[in-house]
């Protein structure tokens, strides 16, 4: 890694986000001038890859739409190979303001393994439809119960991971809609997972992939994955690189 380059990688999973990526990447460059910006293009059928590349991002193209889990694991593997110490997950739709990233990075530098930007700890006025909010509460309650500590926002995709998690997620990462299960995975393996208040805004473009019908499917599928995750042997990390 170049000495001038930051040790922070911004990982952006993107599916048909051509309308928001250019502005997002410009704002990221302004906020973190030397960071690496990696866009995992998850089989987009629009100009997502071209827009991201023109804006100066590294583009990792998946052959077809594999889901956010596969996209994120691809990003973590790239960050591991390139030697990044911190990887920040940022949605391509503009919901995660770049100026909030420092709030996630600072606890990582102080020793946390994973930091989640939480929408519900009093920073900002994020609102969501009732059914989606109930789903968020359900998953937060489920994960909190299983790990024995309180989490407020287990579906937040605004996260910062330290080097040990980058390495761990490179080999072990849930598929499909992985956010809650990924927290369970780390907590069972003994990682230090924290939440910080973060401002999250309405998406800047495109449409959510979770419709009402898909929301019910999502709820069932993720709950089943979480239940199965509690039965799997715990893969504990090697900490020799820390």
C-alpha atoms as a PDB file:
ATOM      1  CA  UNK A   1       0.000   0.000   0.000  1.00  0.00           C
ATOM      2  CA  UNK A   2       1.324   3.445  -0.877  1.00  0.00           C
ATOM      3  CA  UNK A   3       2.500   5.499   2.114  1.00  0.00           C
ATOM      4  CA  UNK A   4       0.283   8.336   0.913  1.00  0.00           C
ATOM      5  CA  UNK A   5      -2.774   6.125   0.861  1.00  0.00           C
ATOM      6  CA  UNK A   6      -5.000   5.887   3.900  1.00  0.00           C
ATOM      7  CA  UNK A   7      -5.390   2.604   5.753  1.00  0.00           C
ATOM      8  CA  UNK A   8      -9.171   2.970   5.333  1.00  0.00           C
ATOM      9  CA  UNK A   9     -11.139   1.266   2.573  1.00  0.00           C
ATOM     10  CA  UNK A  10     -14.699   2.316   1.775  1.00  0.00           C
ATOM     11  CA  UNK A  11     -16.669  -0.704   0.552  1.00  0.00           C
ATOM     12  CA  UNK A  12     -19.774   0.173  -1.458  1.00  0.00           C
ATOM     13  CA  UNK A  13     -22.089  -2.685  -2.473  1.00  0.00           C
ATOM     14  CA  UNK A  14     -24.060  -1.401  -5.453  1.00  0.00           C
ATOM     15  CA  UNK A  15     -26.859  -2.708  -7.607  1.00  0.00           C
ATOM     16  CA  UNK A  16     -28.200  -0.256 -10.227  1.00  0.00           C
ATOM     17  CA  UNK A  17     -26.996   2.860  -8.388  1.00  0.00           C
ATOM     18  CA  UNK A  18     -25.872   4.937 -11.378  1.00  0.00           C
ATOM     19  CA  UNK A  19     -27.820   8.019 -10.227  1.00  0.00           C
ATOM     20  CA  UNK A  20     -26.157   8.362  -6.809  1.00  0.00           C
ATOM     21  CA  UNK A  21     -22.633   6.963  -7.042  1.00  0.00           C
ATOM     22  CA  UNK A  22     -20.806   9.877  -8.620  1.00  0.00           C
ATOM     23  CA  UNK A  23     -21.949  12.359  -5.980  1.00  0.00           C
ATOM     24  CA  UNK A  24     -21.302   9.856  -3.189  1.00  0.00           C
ATOM     25  CA  UNK A  25     -17.758   9.156  -4.334  1.00  0.00           C
ATOM     26  CA  UNK A  26     -17.027  12.884  -4.665  1.00  0.00           C
ATOM     27  CA  UNK A  27     -18.241  13.445  -1.102  1.00  0.00           C
ATOM     28  CA  UNK A  28     -16.174  10.535   0.170  1.00  0.00           C
ATOM     29  CA  UNK A  29     -13.072  11.945  -1.512  1.00  0.00           C
ATOM     30  CA  UNK A  30     -13.750  15.300   0.125  1.00  0.00           C
ATOM     31  CA  UNK A  31     -14.215  13.786   3.577  1.00  0.00           C
ATOM     32  CA  UNK A  32     -11.442  11.157   3.439  1.00  0.00           C
ATOM     33  CA  UNK A  33      -9.085  12.322   0.660  1.00  0.00           C
ATOM     34  CA  UNK A  34      -6.687   9.356   0.687  1.00  0.00           C
ATOM     35  CA  UNK A  35      -9.046   6.494   1.399  1.00  0.00           C
ATOM     36  CA  UNK A  36      -9.521   3.595  -0.966  1.00  0.00           C
ATOM     37  CA  UNK A  37     -12.981   3.517  -2.539  1.00  0.00           C
ATOM     38  CA  UNK A  38     -14.112   0.122  -3.770  1.00  0.00           C
ATOM     39  CA  UNK A  39     -17.457  -0.427  -5.492  1.00  0.00           C
ATOM     40  CA  UNK A  40     -18.687  -4.014  -5.656  1.00  0.00           C
ATOM     41  CA  UNK A  41     -21.014  -3.948  -8.653  1.00  0.00           C
ATOM     42  CA  UNK A  42     -23.461  -6.753  -7.947  1.00  0.00           C
ATOM     43  CA  UNK A  43     -24.505  -7.542 -11.501  1.00  0.00           C
ATOM     44  CA  UNK A  44     -26.008  -4.124 -12.286  1.00  0.00           C
ATOM     45  CA  UNK A  45     -27.781  -3.711 -15.608  1.00  0.00           C
ATOM     46  CA  UNK A  46     -27.363   0.074 -15.703  1.00  0.00           C
ATOM     47  CA  UNK A  47     -24.174   2.187 -15.845  1.00  0.00           C
ATOM     48  CA  UNK A  48     -23.177   1.623 -12.203  1.00  0.00           C
ATOM     49  CA  UNK A  49     -19.707   0.246 -13.032  1.00  0.00           C
ATOM     50  CA  UNK A  50     -18.939   2.947 -15.597  1.00  0.00           C
ATOM     51  CA  UNK A  51     -20.068   5.773 -13.302  1.00  0.00           C
ATOM     52  CA  UNK A  52     -18.032   4.423 -10.377  1.00  0.00           C
ATOM     53  CA  UNK A  53     -14.926   3.932 -12.490  1.00  0.00           C
ATOM     54  CA  UNK A  54     -15.225   7.412 -14.002  1.00  0.00           C
ATOM     55  CA  UNK A  55     -15.454   8.858 -10.492  1.00  0.00           C
ATOM     56  CA  UNK A  56     -12.157   7.188  -9.590  1.00  0.00           C
ATOM     57  CA  UNK A  57     -13.309   4.142  -7.632  1.00  0.00           C
ATOM     58  CA  UNK A  58     -11.947   0.632  -7.936  1.00  0.00           C
ATOM     59  CA  UNK A  59     -14.733  -1.495  -9.403  1.00  0.00           C
ATOM     60  CA  UNK A  60     -15.141  -5.184  -8.607  1.00  0.00           C
ATOM     61  CA  UNK A  61     -17.780  -6.595 -10.952  1.00  0.00           C
ATOM     62  CA  UNK A  62     -19.738  -9.670  -9.963  1.00  0.00           C
ATOM     63  CA  UNK A  63     -20.866 -11.717 -12.994  1.00  0.00           C
ATOM     64  CA  UNK A  64     -24.546 -11.444 -12.020  1.00  0.00           C
ATOM     65  CA  UNK A  65     -26.681 -10.392  -9.064  1.00  0.00           C
ATOM     66  CA  UNK A  66     -25.443 -12.545  -6.177  1.00  0.00           C
ATOM     67  CA  UNK A  67     -26.772 -10.496  -3.260  1.00  0.00           C
ATOM     68  CA  UNK A  68     -25.214  -8.146  -0.746  1.00  0.00           C
ATOM     69  CA  UNK A  69     -23.542 -10.953   1.187  1.00  0.00           C
ATOM     70  CA  UNK A  70     -21.456 -12.035  -1.786  1.00  0.00           C
ATOM     71  CA  UNK A  71     -20.731  -8.426  -2.696  1.00  0.00           C
ATOM     72  CA  UNK A  72     -19.493  -7.601   0.795  1.00  0.00           C
ATOM     73  CA  UNK A  73     -17.352 -10.715   1.080  1.00  0.00           C
ATOM     74  CA  UNK A  74     -15.764  -9.780  -2.245  1.00  0.00           C
ATOM     75  CA  UNK A  75     -14.993  -6.348  -0.835  1.00  0.00           C
ATOM     76  CA  UNK A  76     -13.529  -7.733   2.376  1.00  0.00           C
ATOM     77  CA  UNK A  77     -11.310 -10.104   0.435  1.00  0.00           C
ATOM     78  CA  UNK A  78     -10.020  -7.211  -1.647  1.00  0.00           C
ATOM     79  CA  UNK A  79      -9.398  -5.116   1.489  1.00  0.00           C
ATOM     80  CA  UNK A  80      -7.547  -8.014   3.098  1.00  0.00           C
ATOM     81  CA  UNK A  81      -5.363  -8.568   0.030  1.00  0.00           C
ATOM     82  CA  UNK A  82      -4.505  -4.868  -0.215  1.00  0.00           C
ATOM     83  CA  UNK A  83      -3.590  -4.593   3.467  1.00  0.00           C
ATOM     84  CA  UNK A  84      -6.269  -2.156   4.643  1.00  0.00           C
ATOM     85  CA  UNK A  85      -6.613  -1.885   8.417  1.00  0.00           C
ATOM     86  CA  UNK A  86     -10.188  -0.535   8.425  1.00  0.00           C
ATOM     87  CA  UNK A  87     -13.066  -1.211   6.037  1.00  0.00           C
ATOM     88  CA  UNK A  88     -16.219   0.894   6.139  1.00  0.00           C
ATOM     89  CA  UNK A  89     -19.414  -0.367   4.530  1.00  0.00           C
ATOM     90  CA  UNK A  90     -21.366   2.457   2.877  1.00  0.00           C
ATOM     91  CA  UNK A  91     -24.542   1.992   0.842  1.00  0.00           C
ATOM     92  CA  UNK A  92     -24.444   3.203  -2.748  1.00  0.00           C
ATOM     93  CA  UNK A  93     -27.822   4.945  -2.504  1.00  0.00           C
ATOM     94  CA  UNK A  94     -26.582   7.903  -0.446  1.00  0.00           C
ATOM     95  CA  UNK A  95     -28.200   6.958   2.888  1.00  0.00           C
ATOM     96  CA  UNK A  96     -24.907   7.006   4.767  1.00  0.00           C
ATOM     97  CA  UNK A  97     -23.440  10.539   4.922  1.00  0.00           C
ATOM     98  CA  UNK A  98     -19.647  10.502   4.467  1.00  0.00           C
ATOM     99  CA  UNK A  99     -19.238  13.074   7.241  1.00  0.00           C
ATOM    100  CA  UNK A 100     -20.524  10.461   9.707  1.00  0.00           C
ATOM    101  CA  UNK A 101     -17.792   7.934   8.887  1.00  0.00           C
ATOM    102  CA  UNK A 102     -15.323   9.353  11.422  1.00  0.00           C
ATOM    103  CA  UNK A 103     -17.784   8.453  14.194  1.00  0.00           C
ATOM    104  CA  UNK A 104     -17.408   4.794  13.198  1.00  0.00           C
ATOM    105  CA  UNK A 105     -13.667   4.811  12.574  1.00  0.00           C
ATOM    106  CA  UNK A 106     -12.590   6.333  15.884  1.00  0.00           C
ATOM    107  CA  UNK A 107     -13.726   3.386  18.086  1.00  0.00           C
ATOM    108  CA  UNK A 108     -11.950   0.999  15.698  1.00  0.00           C
ATOM    109  CA  UNK A 109      -8.701   2.885  16.221  1.00  0.00           C
ATOM    110  CA  UNK A 110      -9.319   2.629  19.968  1.00  0.00           C
ATOM    111  CA  UNK A 111      -9.653  -1.161  19.847  1.00  0.00           C
ATOM    112  CA  UNK A 112     -13.173  -2.108  18.738  1.00  0.00           C
ATOM    113  CA  UNK A 113     -13.479  -4.839  16.112  1.00  0.00           C
ATOM    114  CA  UNK A 114     -16.770  -3.801  14.488  1.00  0.00           C
ATOM    115  CA  UNK A 115     -18.704  -0.556  14.902  1.00  0.00           C
ATOM    116  CA  UNK A 116     -22.308  -0.186  13.745  1.00  0.00           C
ATOM    117  CA  UNK A 117     -23.805   3.189  12.882  1.00  0.00           C
ATOM    118  CA  UNK A 118     -27.116   3.124  14.763  1.00  0.00           C
ATOM    119  CA  UNK A 119     -30.135   5.091  13.510  1.00  0.00           C
ATOM    120  CA  UNK A 120     -31.987   4.966  16.809  1.00  0.00           C
ATOM    121  CA  UNK A 121     -29.666   6.443  19.426  1.00  0.00           C
ATOM    122  CA  UNK A 122     -30.799  10.035  19.100  1.00  0.00           C
ATOM    123  CA  UNK A 123     -28.689  11.345  16.223  1.00  0.00           C
ATOM    124  CA  UNK A 124     -30.843  12.494  13.308  1.00  0.00           C
ATOM    125  CA  UNK A 125     -34.535  11.819  12.791  1.00  0.00           C
ATOM    126  CA  UNK A 126     -34.567   8.670  10.662  1.00  0.00           C
ATOM    127  CA  UNK A 127     -38.053   7.306  10.036  1.00  0.00           C
ATOM    128  CA  UNK A 128     -39.128   4.088   8.355  1.00  0.00           C
ATOM    129  CA  UNK A 129     -42.483   2.508   7.462  1.00  0.00           C
ATOM    130  CA  UNK A 130     -44.191   0.743  10.357  1.00  0.00           C
ATOM    131  CA  UNK A 131     -43.731  -2.802   9.055  1.00  0.00           C
ATOM    132  CA  UNK A 132     -40.060  -2.250   8.336  1.00  0.00           C
ATOM    133  CA  UNK A 133     -39.562  -0.677  11.748  1.00  0.00           C
ATOM    134  CA  UNK A 134     -41.223  -3.693  13.386  1.00  0.00           C
ATOM    135  CA  UNK A 135     -38.869  -5.960  11.457  1.00  0.00           C
ATOM    136  CA  UNK A 136     -35.880  -3.957  12.667  1.00  0.00           C
ATOM    137  CA  UNK A 137     -37.087  -4.220  16.265  1.00  0.00           C
ATOM    138  CA  UNK A 138     -37.669  -7.948  15.884  1.00  0.00           C
ATOM    139  CA  UNK A 139     -34.150  -8.626  14.651  1.00  0.00           C
ATOM    140  CA  UNK A 140     -32.568  -6.361  17.253  1.00  0.00           C
ATOM    141  CA  UNK A 141     -34.515  -8.154  19.995  1.00  0.00           C
ATOM    142  CA  UNK A 142     -33.589 -11.583  18.597  1.00  0.00           C
ATOM    143  CA  UNK A 143     -29.870 -10.868  18.321  1.00  0.00           C
ATOM    144  CA  UNK A 144     -29.808  -9.138  21.717  1.00  0.00           C
ATOM    145  CA  UNK A 145     -31.455 -12.156  23.327  1.00  0.00           C
ATOM    146  CA  UNK A 146     -29.101 -14.639  21.694  1.00  0.00           C
ATOM    147  CA  UNK A 147     -25.870 -12.816  22.553  1.00  0.00           C
ATOM    148  CA  UNK A 148     -26.913 -11.530  25.982  1.00  0.00           C
ATOM    149  CA  UNK A 149     -26.407  -7.825  25.355  1.00  0.00           C
ATOM    150  CA  UNK A 150     -28.462  -5.005  23.898  1.00  0.00           C
ATOM    151  CA  UNK A 151     -28.263  -4.042  20.240  1.00  0.00           C
ATOM    152  CA  UNK A 152     -30.513  -1.313  18.836  1.00  0.00           C
ATOM    153  CA  UNK A 153     -29.996  -1.512  15.063  1.00  0.00           C
ATOM    154  CA  UNK A 154     -28.870  -4.907  13.795  1.00  0.00           C
ATOM    155  CA  UNK A 155     -30.039  -4.226  10.226  1.00  0.00           C
ATOM    156  CA  UNK A 156     -27.918  -1.118   9.760  1.00  0.00           C
ATOM    157  CA  UNK A 157     -25.550  -1.499   6.818  1.00  0.00           C
ATOM    158  CA  UNK A 158     -23.385   1.420   7.959  1.00  0.00           C
ATOM    159  CA  UNK A 159     -20.423  -0.311   9.603  1.00  0.00           C
ATOM    160  CA  UNK A 160     -16.696  -0.099  10.175  1.00  0.00           C
ATOM    161  CA  UNK A 161     -14.563  -3.211  10.583  1.00  0.00           C
ATOM    162  CA  UNK A 162     -11.049  -3.506  11.932  1.00  0.00           C
ATOM    163  CA  UNK A 163      -8.332  -5.694  10.454  1.00  0.00           C
ATOM    164  CA  UNK A 164      -9.282  -8.808  12.433  1.00  0.00           C
ATOM    165  CA  UNK A 165     -12.871  -8.621  11.157  1.00  0.00           C
ATOM    166  CA  UNK A 166     -11.717  -7.934   7.596  1.00  0.00           C
ATOM    167  CA  UNK A 167      -9.758 -11.175   7.749  1.00  0.00           C
ATOM    168  CA  UNK A 168     -12.579 -13.088   9.424  1.00  0.00           C
ATOM    169  CA  UNK A 169     -15.279 -11.867   7.042  1.00  0.00           C
ATOM    170  CA  UNK A 170     -13.049 -12.729   4.094  1.00  0.00           C
ATOM    171  CA  UNK A 171     -13.591 -16.385   4.979  1.00  0.00           C
ATOM    172  CA  UNK A 172     -16.882 -16.320   6.911  1.00  0.00           C
ATOM    173  CA  UNK A 173     -19.698 -14.052   5.802  1.00  0.00           C
ATOM    174  CA  UNK A 174     -23.459 -14.707   5.604  1.00  0.00           C
ATOM    175  CA  UNK A 175     -25.243 -14.607   2.248  1.00  0.00           C
ATOM    176  CA  UNK A 176     -28.354 -12.734   1.047  1.00  0.00           C
ATOM    177  CA  UNK A 177     -29.413 -10.153   3.698  1.00  0.00           C
ATOM    178  CA  UNK A 178     -26.577 -10.703   6.142  1.00  0.00           C
ATOM    179  CA  UNK A 179     -26.524  -7.766   8.573  1.00  0.00           C
ATOM    180  CA  UNK A 180     -28.120  -9.352  11.681  1.00  0.00           C
ATOM    181  CA  UNK A 181     -26.468 -12.738  11.190  1.00  0.00           C
ATOM    182  CA  UNK A 182     -23.069 -11.095  10.692  1.00  0.00           C
ATOM    183  CA  UNK A 183     -23.351  -9.538  14.162  1.00  0.00           C
ATOM    184  CA  UNK A 184     -24.278 -12.876  15.706  1.00  0.00           C
ATOM    185  CA  UNK A 185     -21.299 -14.474  13.970  1.00  0.00           C
ATOM    186  CA  UNK A 186     -18.844 -11.979  15.453  1.00  0.00           C
ATOM    187  CA  UNK A 187     -20.331 -11.983  18.955  1.00  0.00           C
ATOM    188  CA  UNK A 188     -20.205 -15.780  19.144  1.00  0.00           C
ATOM    189  CA  UNK A 189     -16.575 -15.671  18.005  1.00  0.00           C
ATOM    190  CA  UNK A 190     -15.634 -13.210  20.757  1.00  0.00           C
ATOM    191  CA  UNK A 191     -15.158 -10.004  18.770  1.00  0.00           C
ATOM    192  CA  UNK A 192     -15.757  -6.584  20.301  1.00  0.00           C
ATOM    193  CA  UNK A 193     -18.877  -5.266  18.522  1.00  0.00           C
ATOM    194  CA  UNK A 194     -20.173  -1.792  19.364  1.00  0.00           C
ATOM    195  CA  UNK A 195     -22.859   0.654  18.276  1.00  0.00           C
ATOM    196  CA  UNK A 196     -22.498   4.426  17.935  1.00  0.00           C
ATOM    197  CA  UNK A 197     -25.160   7.028  17.113  1.00  0.00           C
ATOM    198  CA  UNK A 198     -25.089   7.896  13.416  1.00  0.00           C
ATOM    199  CA  UNK A 199     -27.206  10.085  11.201  1.00  0.00           C
ATOM    200  CA  UNK A 200     -28.710   8.173   8.289  1.00  0.00           C
ATOM    201  CA  UNK A 201     -30.845   9.899   5.657  1.00  0.00           C
ATOM    202  CA  UNK A 202     -33.365   8.908   2.996  1.00  0.00           C
ATOM    203  CA  UNK A 203     -31.935   7.160  -0.040  1.00  0.00           C
ATOM    204  CA  UNK A 204     -30.829   9.550  -2.771  1.00  0.00           C
ATOM    205  CA  UNK A 205     -32.116   7.498  -5.668  1.00  0.00           C
ATOM    206  CA  UNK A 206     -33.225   4.117  -6.877  1.00  0.00           C
ATOM    207  CA  UNK A 207     -35.633   1.859  -5.041  1.00  0.00           C
ATOM    208  CA  UNK A 208     -35.359  -0.518  -2.124  1.00  0.00           C
ATOM    209  CA  UNK A 209     -35.269  -4.163  -3.119  1.00  0.00           C
ATOM    210  CA  UNK A 210     -37.454  -5.100  -0.151  1.00  0.00           C
ATOM    211  CA  UNK A 211     -41.137  -4.840  -1.069  1.00  0.00           C
ATOM    212  CA  UNK A 212     -43.988  -5.796   1.268  1.00  0.00           C
ATOM    213  CA  UNK A 213     -44.074  -9.371  -0.019  1.00  0.00           C
ATOM    214  CA  UNK A 214     -40.312  -9.703  -0.076  1.00  0.00           C
ATOM    215  CA  UNK A 215     -40.250  -8.214   3.422  1.00  0.00           C
ATOM    216  CA  UNK A 216     -42.155 -11.205   4.803  1.00  0.00           C
ATOM    217  CA  UNK A 217     -39.832 -13.556   2.932  1.00  0.00           C
ATOM    218  CA  UNK A 218     -36.828 -11.610   4.213  1.00  0.00           C
ATOM    219  CA  UNK A 219     -38.092 -11.788   7.803  1.00  0.00           C
ATOM    220  CA  UNK A 220     -38.561 -15.544   7.644  1.00  0.00           C
ATOM    221  CA  UNK A 221     -35.335 -16.276   5.785  1.00  0.00           C
ATOM    222  CA  UNK A 222     -33.100 -14.151   8.011  1.00  0.00           C
ATOM    223  CA  UNK A 223     -34.701 -15.513  11.182  1.00  0.00           C
ATOM    224  CA  UNK A 224     -34.089 -19.058   9.926  1.00  0.00           C
ATOM    225  CA  UNK A 225     -30.468 -18.179   9.110  1.00  0.00           C
ATOM    226  CA  UNK A 226     -30.012 -16.716  12.602  1.00  0.00           C
ATOM    227  CA  UNK A 227     -31.515 -19.822  14.192  1.00  0.00           C
ATOM    228  CA  UNK A 228     -29.219 -22.066  12.166  1.00  0.00           C
ATOM    229  CA  UNK A 229     -26.286 -19.822  13.030  1.00  0.00           C
ATOM    230  CA  UNK A 230     -26.730 -20.572  16.726  1.00  0.00           C
ATOM    231  CA  UNK A 231     -26.303 -24.284  15.991  1.00  0.00           C
ATOM    232  CA  UNK A 232     -23.109 -24.050  13.948  1.00  0.00           C
ATOM    233  CA  UNK A 233     -19.703 -24.530  15.597  1.00  0.00           C
ATOM    234  CA  UNK A 234     -18.089 -21.225  16.474  1.00  0.00           C
ATOM    235  CA  UNK A 235     -15.151 -20.364  14.224  1.00  0.00           C
ATOM    236  CA  UNK A 236     -12.888 -18.325  16.456  1.00  0.00           C
ATOM    237  CA  UNK A 237     -10.405 -15.932  14.878  1.00  0.00           C
ATOM    238  CA  UNK A 238      -6.659 -16.138  14.957  1.00  0.00           C
ATOM    239  CA  UNK A 239      -5.309 -12.903  16.388  1.00  0.00           C
ATOM    240  CA  UNK A 240      -1.685 -13.351  15.409  1.00  0.00           C
ATOM    241  CA  UNK A 241      -1.841 -10.380  13.014  1.00  0.00           C
ATOM    242  CA  UNK A 242      -2.973  -7.882  15.629  1.00  0.00           C
END
